[in-house]
């Protein structure tokens, strides 16, 4: 998919714009207004094109000291939260294939408290509650 290609772009601004598109495309409130088959096609397309794994790798590249990086991390975390509502199986598969859980734990260990630390804890909580392996 072209969005997946853009998320892997060397220019961080281009990749962040692609993340924003994915963020908007996975918003359950927006998707509820549309066609359910279209919603499933979007989620399946993200999973089939390794976009979710790419999002996890991108988390490690973003500099949260910068506003764009902070917003990018927030958007990626929101994509994962959205997927927990839309297709929990896809999210569990991402956890098995990537270091998302490890990244979330590392993020929680960062000193200080901010919006992304809170969101990381929420996503980790969602993963724990939704996992059949717990």
Protein backbone atom coordinates (compact mmCIF):
# COMPACT_ATOMS: atom_id res chain seq x y z
CA UNK A 1 0.00 0.00 0.00
CA UNK A 2 1.15 3.53 -0.72
CA UNK A 3 0.48 4.66 2.86
CA UNK A 4 2.77 1.92 4.14
CA UNK A 5 5.48 3.06 1.75
CA UNK A 6 5.09 6.63 3.00
CA UNK A 7 5.31 5.52 6.64
CA UNK A 8 8.70 4.04 5.82
CA UNK A 9 9.91 7.22 4.09
CA UNK A 10 13.33 8.57 5.09
CA UNK A 11 11.88 12.04 5.59
CA UNK A 12 10.32 11.95 9.06
CA UNK A 13 7.80 14.66 8.16
CA UNK A 14 6.46 12.54 5.29
CA UNK A 15 6.31 9.47 7.52
CA UNK A 16 4.50 11.44 10.25
CA UNK A 17 1.93 12.66 7.72
CA UNK A 18 1.31 9.05 6.67
CA UNK A 19 0.90 8.06 10.33
CA UNK A 20 -1.69 10.83 10.69
CA UNK A 21 -3.61 9.37 7.73
CA UNK A 22 -3.57 5.89 9.29
CA UNK A 23 -4.64 7.44 12.60
CA UNK A 24 -7.65 9.03 10.91
CA UNK A 25 -8.50 5.90 8.91
CA UNK A 26 -8.63 3.76 12.06
CA UNK A 27 -10.76 6.10 14.15
CA UNK A 28 -13.76 3.96 15.19
CA UNK A 29 -16.05 7.00 15.36
CA UNK A 30 -15.29 7.84 11.75
CA UNK A 31 -15.51 4.23 10.62
CA UNK A 32 -18.90 3.71 12.28
CA UNK A 33 -20.32 6.29 9.88
CA UNK A 34 -18.99 4.39 6.89
CA UNK A 35 -19.30 0.95 5.38
CA UNK A 36 -18.40 -1.95 7.75
CA UNK A 37 -16.86 -3.89 4.87
CA UNK A 38 -14.71 -0.87 4.04
CA UNK A 39 -13.62 -0.64 7.67
CA UNK A 40 -12.56 -4.27 7.67
CA UNK A 41 -10.72 -3.77 4.38
CA UNK A 42 -8.72 -0.91 5.91
CA UNK A 43 -7.76 -2.93 8.98
CA UNK A 44 -6.92 -5.99 6.89
CA UNK A 45 -4.89 -3.86 4.50
CA UNK A 46 -2.82 -2.45 7.34
CA UNK A 47 -2.14 -5.93 8.70
CA UNK A 48 -1.43 -7.46 5.28
CA UNK A 49 1.04 -4.74 4.30
CA UNK A 50 3.04 -4.93 7.55
CA UNK A 51 2.00 -1.36 8.36
CA UNK A 52 1.49 -2.22 12.02
CA UNK A 53 4.99 -3.62 12.35
CA UNK A 54 6.30 -0.51 10.63
CA UNK A 55 4.48 1.67 13.17
CA UNK A 56 6.23 -0.18 16.01
CA UNK A 57 9.64 0.35 14.40
CA UNK A 58 8.80 4.02 13.84
CA UNK A 59 8.08 4.47 17.56
CA UNK A 60 11.77 3.90 18.26
CA UNK A 61 12.83 6.53 15.75
CA UNK A 62 10.71 9.40 16.99
CA UNK A 63 12.21 12.07 19.23
CA UNK A 64 9.60 12.99 21.82
CA UNK A 65 11.58 16.08 22.77
CA UNK A 66 10.21 17.56 19.56
CA UNK A 67 6.51 18.44 19.22
CA UNK A 68 6.13 16.47 15.98
CA UNK A 69 7.74 13.40 17.52
CA UNK A 70 5.53 13.58 20.59
CA UNK A 71 2.43 13.89 18.43
CA UNK A 72 3.61 11.05 16.19
CA UNK A 73 4.02 8.73 19.19
CA UNK A 74 0.57 9.72 20.43
CA UNK A 75 -0.98 9.02 17.01
CA UNK A 76 0.70 5.62 16.76
CA UNK A 77 -0.49 4.66 20.23
CA UNK A 78 -3.98 5.76 19.25
CA UNK A 79 -3.84 3.57 16.14
CA UNK A 80 -3.10 0.60 18.38
CA UNK A 81 -5.93 1.54 20.73
CA UNK A 82 -8.28 1.87 17.75
CA UNK A 83 -7.24 -1.55 16.50
CA UNK A 84 -8.02 -3.05 19.89
CA UNK A 85 -11.64 -2.11 19.20
CA UNK A 86 -11.69 -2.92 15.49
CA UNK A 87 -9.62 -6.09 15.29
CA UNK A 88 -8.09 -7.33 18.54
CA UNK A 89 -6.56 -10.32 16.74
CA UNK A 90 -4.45 -8.06 14.54
CA UNK A 91 -3.13 -6.26 17.59
CA UNK A 92 -2.22 -9.51 19.33
CA UNK A 93 -0.39 -10.63 16.19
CA UNK A 94 1.61 -7.38 16.19
CA UNK A 95 2.63 -8.02 19.79
CA UNK A 96 3.87 -11.47 18.84
CA UNK A 97 5.83 -10.23 15.80
CA UNK A 98 7.33 -7.02 17.21
CA UNK A 99 8.73 -5.47 20.34
CA UNK A 100 5.65 -3.29 20.97
CA UNK A 101 5.22 -4.56 24.53
CA UNK A 102 8.92 -4.03 25.25
CA UNK A 103 8.71 -0.50 23.82
CA UNK A 104 5.71 0.26 26.03
CA UNK A 105 7.57 -0.94 29.13
CA UNK A 106 10.66 1.10 28.18
CA UNK A 107 8.44 4.15 27.68
CA UNK A 108 6.90 3.68 31.11
CA UNK A 109 10.35 3.64 32.70
CA UNK A 110 11.18 7.13 31.42
CA UNK A 111 11.36 9.58 34.30
CA UNK A 112 8.65 12.18 34.57
CA UNK A 113 5.04 12.03 33.51
CA UNK A 114 3.42 13.17 30.30
CA UNK A 115 0.51 12.41 28.00
CA UNK A 116 2.38 9.73 26.05
CA UNK A 117 3.47 7.91 29.20
CA UNK A 118 -0.17 7.78 30.27
CA UNK A 119 -1.23 6.58 26.84
CA UNK A 120 1.51 3.91 26.81
CA UNK A 121 0.15 2.60 30.10
CA UNK A 122 -3.39 2.57 28.68
CA UNK A 123 -2.32 0.64 25.57
CA UNK A 124 -0.40 -1.84 27.73
CA UNK A 125 -3.48 -2.27 29.90
CA UNK A 126 -5.63 -2.90 26.82
CA UNK A 127 -3.15 -5.49 25.59
CA UNK A 128 -3.13 -7.27 28.94
CA UNK A 129 -6.91 -7.27 29.25
CA UNK A 130 -7.42 -8.48 25.69
CA UNK A 131 -4.78 -11.17 25.68
CA UNK A 132 -5.93 -14.76 25.85
CA UNK A 133 -2.49 -15.70 27.19
CA UNK A 134 -2.82 -13.82 30.49
